[in-house]
Amino acid sequence: MVGDDRHDDAPRLNGHHRRPAAGILEQLLKIRYIAVVVVLLAILHALAFLFLGARIAVHAYHLIIAGAQAGENVRPGLELLHSLDFLLIALVLLILGLGVFKLFLLPPNSGQRPESLPTWLRMETLSDLKVLLWETILTALVVFGLPTLSSDLVGKLEWTALVLPAAIALLSLGLFVMKRA
């Protein structure tokens, strides 16, 4: 039949076969390019937070060395804790970027010996990356909560000062339960 498309995989007059329509697997492999974007943006954001944290730390050290003038209300210790917040956020983003790179972009047997990777990057599953990020975020929340809680203790203490410590305790409990399961 002239208009019959049932045998569309037969050779054409020029000798070439018609290419079959892209399968679902080929479409799913395009997701890999999204992983490249995630990795690049996570590392770029990590570098930005690293720069911001270093800038705040340099300012805090300048305050420590120069000393406070009479009547100034400066707290270089709190500035250093805020700097540490930025540095820990940079660490979380760096772990996210490198973890996504290792899990989604490196071939499983890329010739890399596991011993050549840092111990924190020796993950094999997305669950391993999730636990590593969870632990890192908990550490960052604890450090983030220190200046907030310490500044609240100086003034009038309200119940809202306990929200972040309660969230940290709940997240820690959830991580404990997940690791036990």
N, C-alpha and C. Protein backbone atom coordinates (compact mmCIF):
# COMPACT_ATOMS: atom_id res chain seq x y z
N MET A 1 0.84 -1.18 0.00
CA MET A 1 0.00 0.00 0.00
C MET A 1 0.88 1.23 0.00
N VAL A 2 0.41 2.25 -0.64
CA VAL A 2 1.23 3.44 -0.79
C VAL A 2 1.26 4.26 0.49
N GLY A 3 0.20 4.50 1.17
CA GLY A 3 0.18 5.37 2.34
C GLY A 3 0.31 4.62 3.65
N ASP A 4 0.70 3.36 3.62
CA ASP A 4 0.76 2.54 4.82
C ASP A 4 2.04 2.83 5.59
N ASP A 5 1.94 3.25 6.84
CA ASP A 5 3.10 3.57 7.68
C ASP A 5 3.44 2.46 8.66
N ARG A 6 2.83 1.30 8.49
CA ARG A 6 3.09 0.23 9.46
C ARG A 6 4.50 -0.31 9.35
N HIS A 7 5.08 -0.25 8.20
CA HIS A 7 6.44 -0.76 8.01
C HIS A 7 7.37 0.41 7.76
N ASP A 8 7.35 1.35 8.65
CA ASP A 8 8.12 2.59 8.49
C ASP A 8 9.60 2.39 8.75
N ASP A 9 9.99 1.23 9.34
CA ASP A 9 11.39 1.00 9.62
C ASP A 9 12.12 0.38 8.44
N ALA A 10 11.43 0.16 7.34
CA ALA A 10 12.05 -0.39 6.14
C ALA A 10 12.98 0.65 5.53
N PRO A 11 14.00 0.20 4.78
CA PRO A 11 14.92 1.16 4.18
C PRO A 11 14.21 2.07 3.19
N ARG A 12 14.67 3.29 3.14
CA ARG A 12 14.12 4.24 2.18
C ARG A 12 14.83 4.05 0.85
N LEU A 13 14.42 4.86 -0.12
CA LEU A 13 15.02 4.76 -1.45
C LEU A 13 16.50 5.10 -1.42
N ASN A 14 16.91 5.99 -0.50
CA ASN A 14 18.32 6.37 -0.43
C ASN A 14 19.16 5.37 0.38
N GLY A 15 18.55 4.31 0.85
CA GLY A 15 19.27 3.26 1.56
C GLY A 15 19.32 3.44 3.06
N HIS A 16 18.92 4.59 3.59
CA HIS A 16 18.96 4.85 5.03
C HIS A 16 17.67 4.37 5.69
N HIS A 17 17.81 3.91 6.91
CA HIS A 17 16.65 3.52 7.70
C HIS A 17 16.10 4.76 8.39
N ARG A 18 14.81 4.77 8.56
CA ARG A 18 14.20 5.86 9.32
C ARG A 18 14.52 5.64 10.78
N ARG A 19 14.94 6.67 11.44
CA ARG A 19 15.29 6.59 12.85
C ARG A 19 14.02 6.50 13.68
N PRO A 20 13.95 5.53 14.60
CA PRO A 20 12.75 5.44 15.44
C PRO A 20 12.63 6.65 16.35
N ALA A 21 11.42 6.94 16.79
CA ALA A 21 11.17 8.07 17.68
C ALA A 21 11.95 7.88 18.97
N ALA A 22 12.38 8.99 19.55
CA ALA A 22 13.16 8.94 20.78
C ALA A 22 12.35 8.24 21.87
N GLY A 23 12.98 7.27 22.49
CA GLY A 23 12.31 6.52 23.54
C GLY A 23 12.31 7.27 24.86
N ILE A 24 11.62 6.70 25.79
CA ILE A 24 11.51 7.33 27.10
C ILE A 24 12.89 7.38 27.78
N LEU A 25 13.73 6.38 27.52
CA LEU A 25 15.06 6.36 28.12
C LEU A 25 15.90 7.53 27.62
N GLU A 26 15.83 7.80 26.33
CA GLU A 26 16.57 8.93 25.79
C GLU A 26 16.08 10.25 26.37
N GLN A 27 14.80 10.36 26.60
CA GLN A 27 14.25 11.57 27.20
C GLN A 27 14.71 11.72 28.64
N LEU A 28 14.76 10.61 29.36
CA LEU A 28 15.20 10.67 30.75
C LEU A 28 16.68 11.02 30.86
N LEU A 29 17.47 10.61 29.87
CA LEU A 29 18.90 10.93 29.93
C LEU A 29 19.16 12.42 29.74
N LYS A 30 18.20 13.15 29.22
CA LYS A 30 18.36 14.60 29.09
C LYS A 30 18.30 15.28 30.45
N ILE A 31 17.77 14.60 31.45
CA ILE A 31 17.74 15.14 32.81
C ILE A 31 19.16 15.36 33.31
N ARG A 32 20.08 14.63 32.74
CA ARG A 32 21.48 14.75 33.13
C ARG A 32 21.98 16.19 32.96
N TYR A 33 21.46 16.88 31.96
CA TYR A 33 21.87 18.27 31.74
C TYR A 33 21.36 19.17 32.86
N ILE A 34 20.24 18.82 33.45
CA ILE A 34 19.74 19.58 34.61
C ILE A 34 20.70 19.41 35.78
N ALA A 35 21.26 18.21 35.93
CA ALA A 35 22.23 17.97 36.99
C ALA A 35 23.47 18.83 36.80
N VAL A 36 23.87 19.06 35.56
CA VAL A 36 25.02 19.94 35.28
C VAL A 36 24.71 21.35 35.76
N VAL A 37 23.50 21.83 35.48
CA VAL A 37 23.10 23.17 35.92
C VAL A 37 23.09 23.24 37.44
N VAL A 38 22.55 22.21 38.10
CA VAL A 38 22.50 22.18 39.57
C VAL A 38 23.92 22.24 40.15
N VAL A 39 24.82 21.45 39.58
CA VAL A 39 26.20 21.41 40.08
C VAL A 39 26.87 22.78 39.90
N LEU A 40 26.76 23.35 38.72
CA LEU A 40 27.41 24.64 38.47
C LEU A 40 26.86 25.75 39.36
N LEU A 41 25.53 25.80 39.51
CA LEU A 41 24.95 26.85 40.35
C LEU A 41 25.27 26.64 41.83
N ALA A 42 25.27 25.39 42.29
CA ALA A 42 25.59 25.12 43.69
C ALA A 42 27.02 25.53 44.01
N ILE A 43 27.94 25.22 43.11
CA ILE A 43 29.34 25.60 43.35
C ILE A 43 29.52 27.11 43.24
N LEU A 44 28.83 27.74 42.30
CA LEU A 44 28.90 29.20 42.18
C LEU A 44 28.34 29.88 43.43
N HIS A 45 27.21 29.38 43.93
CA HIS A 45 26.63 29.93 45.16
C HIS A 45 27.56 29.68 46.35
N ALA A 46 28.20 28.50 46.39
CA ALA A 46 29.13 28.20 47.48
C ALA A 46 30.29 29.18 47.48
N LEU A 47 30.80 29.50 46.29
CA LEU A 47 31.89 30.47 46.21
C LEU A 47 31.44 31.86 46.66
N ALA A 48 30.21 32.23 46.31
CA ALA A 48 29.69 33.54 46.73
C ALA A 48 29.55 33.59 48.25
N PHE A 49 29.00 32.54 48.87
CA PHE A 49 28.86 32.53 50.32
C PHE A 49 30.24 32.47 50.99
N LEU A 50 31.19 31.79 50.37
CA LEU A 50 32.54 31.75 50.90
C LEU A 50 33.15 33.16 50.90
N PHE A 51 32.95 33.90 49.83
CA PHE A 51 33.45 35.27 49.75
C PHE A 51 32.77 36.16 50.80
N LEU A 52 31.45 36.04 50.93
CA LEU A 52 30.74 36.86 51.92
C LEU A 52 31.19 36.54 53.34
N GLY A 53 31.35 35.26 53.64
CA GLY A 53 31.82 34.86 54.97
C GLY A 53 33.22 35.36 55.26
N ALA A 54 34.09 35.30 54.26
CA ALA A 54 35.46 35.78 54.45
C ALA A 54 35.47 37.30 54.64
N ARG A 55 34.61 38.01 53.92
CA ARG A 55 34.56 39.47 54.06
C ARG A 55 34.08 39.87 55.46
N ILE A 56 33.07 39.17 55.98
CA ILE A 56 32.58 39.48 57.33
C ILE A 56 33.65 39.12 58.37
N ALA A 57 34.38 38.02 58.15
CA ALA A 57 35.43 37.63 59.09
C ALA A 57 36.56 38.65 59.10
N VAL A 58 36.95 39.14 57.93
CA VAL A 58 38.01 40.15 57.87
C VAL A 58 37.56 41.40 58.62
N HIS A 59 36.31 41.79 58.44
CA HIS A 59 35.79 42.97 59.15
C HIS A 59 35.79 42.74 60.66
N ALA A 60 35.40 41.53 61.09
CA ALA A 60 35.39 41.23 62.53
C ALA A 60 36.80 41.24 63.10
N TYR A 61 37.76 40.68 62.37
CA TYR A 61 39.13 40.70 62.86
C TYR A 61 39.68 42.13 62.90
N HIS A 62 39.27 42.95 61.96
CA HIS A 62 39.66 44.36 61.99
C HIS A 62 39.11 45.04 63.25
N LEU A 63 37.86 44.71 63.61
CA LEU A 63 37.28 45.27 64.84
C LEU A 63 38.03 44.80 66.08
N ILE A 64 38.48 43.55 66.06
CA ILE A 64 39.22 43.01 67.21
C ILE A 64 40.57 43.70 67.33
N ILE A 65 41.26 43.84 66.21
CA ILE A 65 42.60 44.43 66.24
C ILE A 65 42.54 45.93 66.54
N ALA A 66 41.62 46.63 65.89
CA ALA A 66 41.53 48.09 66.07
C ALA A 66 40.94 48.45 67.42
N GLY A 67 40.13 47.59 67.95
CA GLY A 67 39.49 47.88 69.23
C GLY A 67 38.29 48.79 69.03
N ALA A 68 37.37 48.71 69.93
CA ALA A 68 36.15 49.51 69.83
C ALA A 68 36.40 50.89 70.41
N GLN A 69 35.85 51.89 69.76
CA GLN A 69 35.92 53.25 70.27
C GLN A 69 34.90 53.39 71.40
N ALA A 70 35.10 54.36 72.22
CA ALA A 70 34.19 54.60 73.34
C ALA A 70 32.79 54.92 72.79
N GLY A 71 31.81 54.26 73.31
CA GLY A 71 30.43 54.51 72.91
C GLY A 71 29.98 53.66 71.72
N GLU A 72 30.89 52.92 71.10
CA GLU A 72 30.49 52.07 69.97
C GLU A 72 29.92 50.77 70.49
N ASN A 73 28.92 50.28 69.79
CA ASN A 73 28.30 49.01 70.15
C ASN A 73 28.70 47.98 69.09
N VAL A 74 29.89 47.46 69.22
CA VAL A 74 30.37 46.45 68.27
C VAL A 74 30.55 45.13 69.00
N ARG A 75 30.26 44.08 68.28
CA ARG A 75 30.40 42.73 68.82
C ARG A 75 31.16 41.88 67.81
N PRO A 76 32.47 41.86 67.85
CA PRO A 76 33.21 41.09 66.86
C PRO A 76 32.95 39.58 66.97
N GLY A 77 32.63 39.12 68.16
CA GLY A 77 32.32 37.70 68.32
C GLY A 77 31.08 37.30 67.53
N LEU A 78 30.04 38.14 67.59
CA LEU A 78 28.84 37.86 66.80
C LEU A 78 29.12 37.96 65.31
N GLU A 79 29.98 38.90 64.93
CA GLU A 79 30.36 39.01 63.51
C GLU A 79 31.06 37.72 63.06
N LEU A 80 31.93 37.18 63.91
CA LEU A 80 32.61 35.93 63.55
C LEU A 80 31.62 34.77 63.45
N LEU A 81 30.62 34.74 64.33
CA LEU A 81 29.60 33.69 64.23
C LEU A 81 28.76 33.84 62.97
N HIS A 82 28.46 35.08 62.58
CA HIS A 82 27.74 35.28 61.32
C HIS A 82 28.61 34.86 60.14
N SER A 83 29.89 35.12 60.23
CA SER A 83 30.81 34.67 59.19
C SER A 83 30.81 33.15 59.10
N LEU A 84 30.81 32.51 60.24
CA LEU A 84 30.77 31.05 60.27
C LEU A 84 29.47 30.52 59.66
N ASP A 85 28.37 31.24 59.85
CA ASP A 85 27.10 30.87 59.20
C ASP A 85 27.26 30.82 57.69
N PHE A 86 27.84 31.87 57.14
CA PHE A 86 28.03 31.93 55.69
C PHE A 86 28.97 30.82 55.21
N LEU A 87 30.02 30.55 55.98
CA LEU A 87 30.96 29.52 55.60
C LEU A 87 30.32 28.13 55.64
N LEU A 88 29.46 27.90 56.62
CA LEU A 88 28.79 26.60 56.69
C LEU A 88 27.74 26.45 55.57
N ILE A 89 27.08 27.53 55.21
CA ILE A 89 26.16 27.46 54.07
C ILE A 89 26.95 27.16 52.80
N ALA A 90 28.14 27.76 52.67
CA ALA A 90 29.00 27.46 51.52
C ALA A 90 29.38 25.98 51.51
N LEU A 91 29.65 25.43 52.70
CA LEU A 91 29.99 24.01 52.80
C LEU A 91 28.82 23.13 52.38
N VAL A 92 27.60 23.48 52.81
CA VAL A 92 26.42 22.71 52.43
C VAL A 92 26.25 22.74 50.91
N LEU A 93 26.39 23.91 50.30
CA LEU A 93 26.24 24.02 48.85
C LEU A 93 27.34 23.28 48.11
N LEU A 94 28.55 23.30 48.65
CA LEU A 94 29.64 22.57 48.03
C LEU A 94 29.40 21.07 48.10
N ILE A 95 28.94 20.58 49.23
CA ILE A 95 28.63 19.16 49.37
C ILE A 95 27.50 18.77 48.41
N LEU A 96 26.49 19.63 48.30
CA LEU A 96 25.39 19.36 47.38
C LEU A 96 25.90 19.28 45.94
N GLY A 97 26.69 20.25 45.52
CA GLY A 97 27.20 20.26 44.16
C GLY A 97 28.08 19.07 43.84
N LEU A 98 29.04 18.79 44.73
CA LEU A 98 29.94 17.67 44.49
C LEU A 98 29.23 16.32 44.60
N GLY A 99 28.25 16.24 45.52
CA GLY A 99 27.49 14.99 45.64
C GLY A 99 26.63 14.71 44.41
N VAL A 100 25.97 15.73 43.90
CA VAL A 100 25.17 15.56 42.68
C VAL A 100 26.09 15.22 41.51
N PHE A 101 27.26 15.86 41.45
CA PHE A 101 28.22 15.55 40.39
C PHE A 101 28.64 14.09 40.45
N LYS A 102 28.97 13.61 41.66
CA LYS A 102 29.44 12.23 41.79
C LYS A 102 28.33 11.23 41.48
N LEU A 103 27.12 11.51 41.95
CA LEU A 103 26.05 10.53 41.76
C LEU A 103 25.46 10.53 40.36
N PHE A 104 25.35 11.69 39.74
CA PHE A 104 24.61 11.77 38.48
C PHE A 104 25.49 11.97 37.25
N LEU A 105 26.67 12.50 37.41
CA LEU A 105 27.47 12.82 36.23
C LEU A 105 28.68 11.93 36.04
N LEU A 106 29.24 11.39 37.10
CA LEU A 106 30.35 10.46 36.96
C LEU A 106 29.82 9.07 36.64
N PRO A 107 30.47 8.38 35.71
CA PRO A 107 30.05 7.00 35.47
C PRO A 107 30.34 6.15 36.71
N PRO A 108 29.54 5.11 36.94
CA PRO A 108 29.72 4.30 38.16
C PRO A 108 31.12 3.72 38.30
N ASN A 109 31.72 3.25 37.22
CA ASN A 109 33.07 2.70 37.27
C ASN A 109 33.98 3.60 36.46
N SER A 110 34.24 4.79 36.99
CA SER A 110 35.02 5.77 36.24
C SER A 110 36.53 5.57 36.41
N GLY A 111 36.93 4.46 36.98
CA GLY A 111 38.35 4.22 37.18
C GLY A 111 38.88 4.86 38.44
N GLN A 112 38.07 5.64 39.13
CA GLN A 112 38.49 6.27 40.37
C GLN A 112 38.42 5.24 41.49
N ARG A 113 39.49 5.08 42.18
CA ARG A 113 39.45 4.21 43.35
C ARG A 113 38.76 4.95 44.47
N PRO A 114 37.92 4.27 45.24
CA PRO A 114 37.23 4.96 46.34
C PRO A 114 38.20 5.57 47.35
N GLU A 115 39.40 5.02 47.46
CA GLU A 115 40.36 5.55 48.42
C GLU A 115 40.87 6.92 47.99
N SER A 116 40.78 7.24 46.69
CA SER A 116 41.30 8.52 46.22
C SER A 116 40.33 9.67 46.52
N LEU A 117 39.09 9.35 46.87
CA LEU A 117 38.11 10.38 47.20
C LEU A 117 38.13 10.66 48.70
N PRO A 118 37.78 11.88 49.10
CA PRO A 118 37.65 12.14 50.55
C PRO A 118 36.55 11.24 51.13
N THR A 119 36.65 10.95 52.40
CA THR A 119 35.69 10.03 53.01
C THR A 119 34.26 10.57 52.94
N TRP A 120 34.08 11.88 53.02
CA TRP A 120 32.73 12.43 53.00
C TRP A 120 32.13 12.39 51.60
N LEU A 121 32.94 12.12 50.56
CA LEU A 121 32.43 12.05 49.20
C LEU A 121 32.29 10.61 48.72
N ARG A 122 32.49 9.66 49.59
CA ARG A 122 32.35 8.24 49.22
C ARG A 122 30.91 7.79 49.43
N MET A 123 30.03 8.35 48.65
CA MET A 123 28.63 7.98 48.73
C MET A 123 28.26 7.20 47.48
N GLU A 124 27.32 6.29 47.64
CA GLU A 124 26.92 5.46 46.51
C GLU A 124 25.47 5.69 46.11
N THR A 125 24.66 6.21 47.02
CA THR A 125 23.24 6.38 46.72
C THR A 125 22.80 7.80 47.06
N LEU A 126 21.62 8.12 46.58
CA LEU A 126 21.04 9.41 46.90
C LEU A 126 20.73 9.51 48.39
N SER A 127 20.43 8.39 49.03
CA SER A 127 20.17 8.39 50.47
C SER A 127 21.43 8.76 51.26
N ASP A 128 22.59 8.31 50.78
CA ASP A 128 23.85 8.69 51.43
C ASP A 128 24.06 10.21 51.36
N LEU A 129 23.78 10.78 50.17
CA LEU A 129 23.90 12.23 50.01
C LEU A 129 22.91 12.96 50.90
N LYS A 130 21.70 12.42 51.00
CA LYS A 130 20.67 13.04 51.84
C LYS A 130 21.10 13.07 53.30
N VAL A 131 21.65 11.98 53.80
CA VAL A 131 22.09 11.93 55.20
C VAL A 131 23.25 12.90 55.42
N LEU A 132 24.19 12.94 54.48
CA LEU A 132 25.32 13.86 54.61
C LEU A 132 24.85 15.31 54.62
N LEU A 133 23.92 15.66 53.74
CA LEU A 133 23.39 17.02 53.73
C LEU A 133 22.60 17.31 55.00
N TRP A 134 21.84 16.33 55.47
CA TRP A 134 21.06 16.50 56.69
C TRP A 134 21.98 16.82 57.86
N GLU A 135 23.05 16.05 57.99
CA GLU A 135 24.00 16.28 59.09
C GLU A 135 24.67 17.65 58.96
N THR A 136 25.02 18.03 57.75
CA THR A 136 25.67 19.32 57.54
C THR A 136 24.72 20.47 57.85
N ILE A 137 23.47 20.34 57.43
CA ILE A 137 22.47 21.39 57.70
C ILE A 137 22.21 21.50 59.19
N LEU A 138 22.16 20.37 59.88
CA LEU A 138 21.98 20.42 61.34
C LEU A 138 23.14 21.16 62.01
N THR A 139 24.36 20.88 61.56
CA THR A 139 25.51 21.59 62.12
C THR A 139 25.40 23.09 61.84
N ALA A 140 25.01 23.43 60.62
CA ALA A 140 24.86 24.84 60.28
C ALA A 140 23.76 25.50 61.11
N LEU A 141 22.66 24.79 61.36
CA LEU A 141 21.58 25.35 62.18
C LEU A 141 22.03 25.58 63.62
N VAL A 142 22.83 24.66 64.14
CA VAL A 142 23.33 24.83 65.51
C VAL A 142 24.21 26.08 65.58
N VAL A 143 25.10 26.22 64.61
CA VAL A 143 25.98 27.40 64.62
C VAL A 143 25.17 28.66 64.36
N PHE A 144 24.17 28.58 63.49
CA PHE A 144 23.32 29.73 63.22
C PHE A 144 22.52 30.12 64.45
N GLY A 145 22.11 29.13 65.24
CA GLY A 145 21.31 29.40 66.42
C GLY A 145 22.09 30.00 67.57
N LEU A 146 23.40 29.82 67.59
CA LEU A 146 24.21 30.35 68.70
C LEU A 146 24.14 31.87 68.80
N PRO A 147 24.40 32.63 67.72
CA PRO A 147 24.31 34.09 67.89
C PRO A 147 22.89 34.56 68.14
N THR A 148 21.93 33.87 67.55
CA THR A 148 20.53 34.26 67.75
C THR A 148 20.13 34.05 69.21
N LEU A 149 20.46 32.87 69.74
CA LEU A 149 20.11 32.57 71.13
C LEU A 149 20.91 33.44 72.09
N SER A 150 22.19 33.67 71.81
CA SER A 150 22.99 34.47 72.74
C SER A 150 22.54 35.93 72.75
N SER A 151 22.11 36.46 71.59
CA SER A 151 21.62 37.84 71.60
C SER A 151 20.25 37.93 72.26
N ASP A 152 19.46 36.85 72.19
CA ASP A 152 18.17 36.84 72.88
C ASP A 152 18.34 36.73 74.39
N LEU A 153 19.40 36.06 74.83
CA LEU A 153 19.62 35.92 76.27
C LEU A 153 20.02 37.24 76.92
N VAL A 154 20.66 38.11 76.14
CA VAL A 154 21.08 39.40 76.69
C VAL A 154 19.86 40.26 76.97
N GLY A 155 18.90 40.24 76.05
CA GLY A 155 17.69 41.06 76.23
C GLY A 155 16.61 40.27 76.95
N LYS A 156 15.40 40.64 76.66
CA LYS A 156 14.25 39.97 77.27
C LYS A 156 14.01 38.65 76.55
N LEU A 157 13.99 37.57 77.31
CA LEU A 157 13.82 36.24 76.73
C LEU A 157 12.34 35.96 76.51
N GLU A 158 11.99 35.59 75.26
CA GLU A 158 10.61 35.25 74.91
C GLU A 158 10.57 33.81 74.42
N TRP A 159 9.37 33.30 74.25
CA TRP A 159 9.20 31.91 73.83
C TRP A 159 9.70 31.69 72.40
N THR A 160 9.76 32.73 71.57
CA THR A 160 10.21 32.57 70.19
C THR A 160 11.68 32.21 70.12
N ALA A 161 12.42 32.45 71.19
CA ALA A 161 13.84 32.08 71.22
C ALA A 161 14.01 30.56 71.23
N LEU A 162 12.96 29.83 71.57
CA LEU A 162 13.05 28.37 71.64
C LEU A 162 12.62 27.68 70.35
N VAL A 163 12.18 28.44 69.35
CA VAL A 163 11.71 27.82 68.10
C VAL A 163 12.85 27.12 67.38
N LEU A 164 13.97 27.81 67.19
CA LEU A 164 15.10 27.20 66.48
C LEU A 164 15.69 26.02 67.24
N PRO A 165 15.92 26.09 68.55
CA PRO A 165 16.41 24.90 69.25
C PRO A 165 15.42 23.73 69.18
N ALA A 166 14.13 24.01 69.21
CA ALA A 166 13.14 22.93 69.09
C ALA A 166 13.20 22.32 67.69
N ALA A 167 13.37 23.14 66.66
CA ALA A 167 13.48 22.62 65.29
C ALA A 167 14.74 21.77 65.13
N ILE A 168 15.82 22.21 65.74
CA ILE A 168 17.06 21.43 65.68
C ILE A 168 16.88 20.09 66.39
N ALA A 169 16.21 20.10 67.54
CA ALA A 169 15.97 18.85 68.25
C ALA A 169 15.09 17.90 67.43
N LEU A 170 14.05 18.42 66.78
CA LEU A 170 13.18 17.57 65.95
C LEU A 170 13.93 17.01 64.74
N LEU A 171 14.72 17.84 64.09
CA LEU A 171 15.51 17.36 62.96
C LEU A 171 16.53 16.31 63.39
N SER A 172 17.13 16.50 64.56
CA SER A 172 18.09 15.52 65.08
C SER A 172 17.39 14.20 65.39
N LEU A 173 16.22 14.29 65.98
CA LEU A 173 15.46 13.08 66.27
C LEU A 173 15.07 12.36 64.98
N GLY A 174 14.65 13.11 63.98
CA GLY A 174 14.30 12.50 62.69
C GLY A 174 15.50 11.82 62.05
N LEU A 175 16.67 12.44 62.12
CA LEU A 175 17.88 11.83 61.57
C LEU A 175 18.23 10.56 62.33
N PHE A 176 18.09 10.58 63.65
CA PHE A 176 18.37 9.42 64.46
C PHE A 176 17.46 8.26 64.09
N VAL A 177 16.17 8.56 63.94
CA VAL A 177 15.21 7.51 63.58
C VAL A 177 15.49 6.97 62.18
N MET A 178 15.83 7.86 61.25
CA MET A 178 16.10 7.42 59.89
C MET A 178 17.35 6.54 59.82
N LYS A 179 18.36 6.86 60.59
CA LYS A 179 19.59 6.05 60.59
C LYS A 179 19.36 4.69 61.22
N ARG A 180 18.46 4.63 62.18
CA ARG A 180 18.18 3.35 62.86
C ARG A 180 17.36 2.42 61.99
N ALA A 181 16.57 3.00 61.08
CA ALA A 181 15.69 2.17 60.25
C ALA A 181 16.44 1.48 59.14
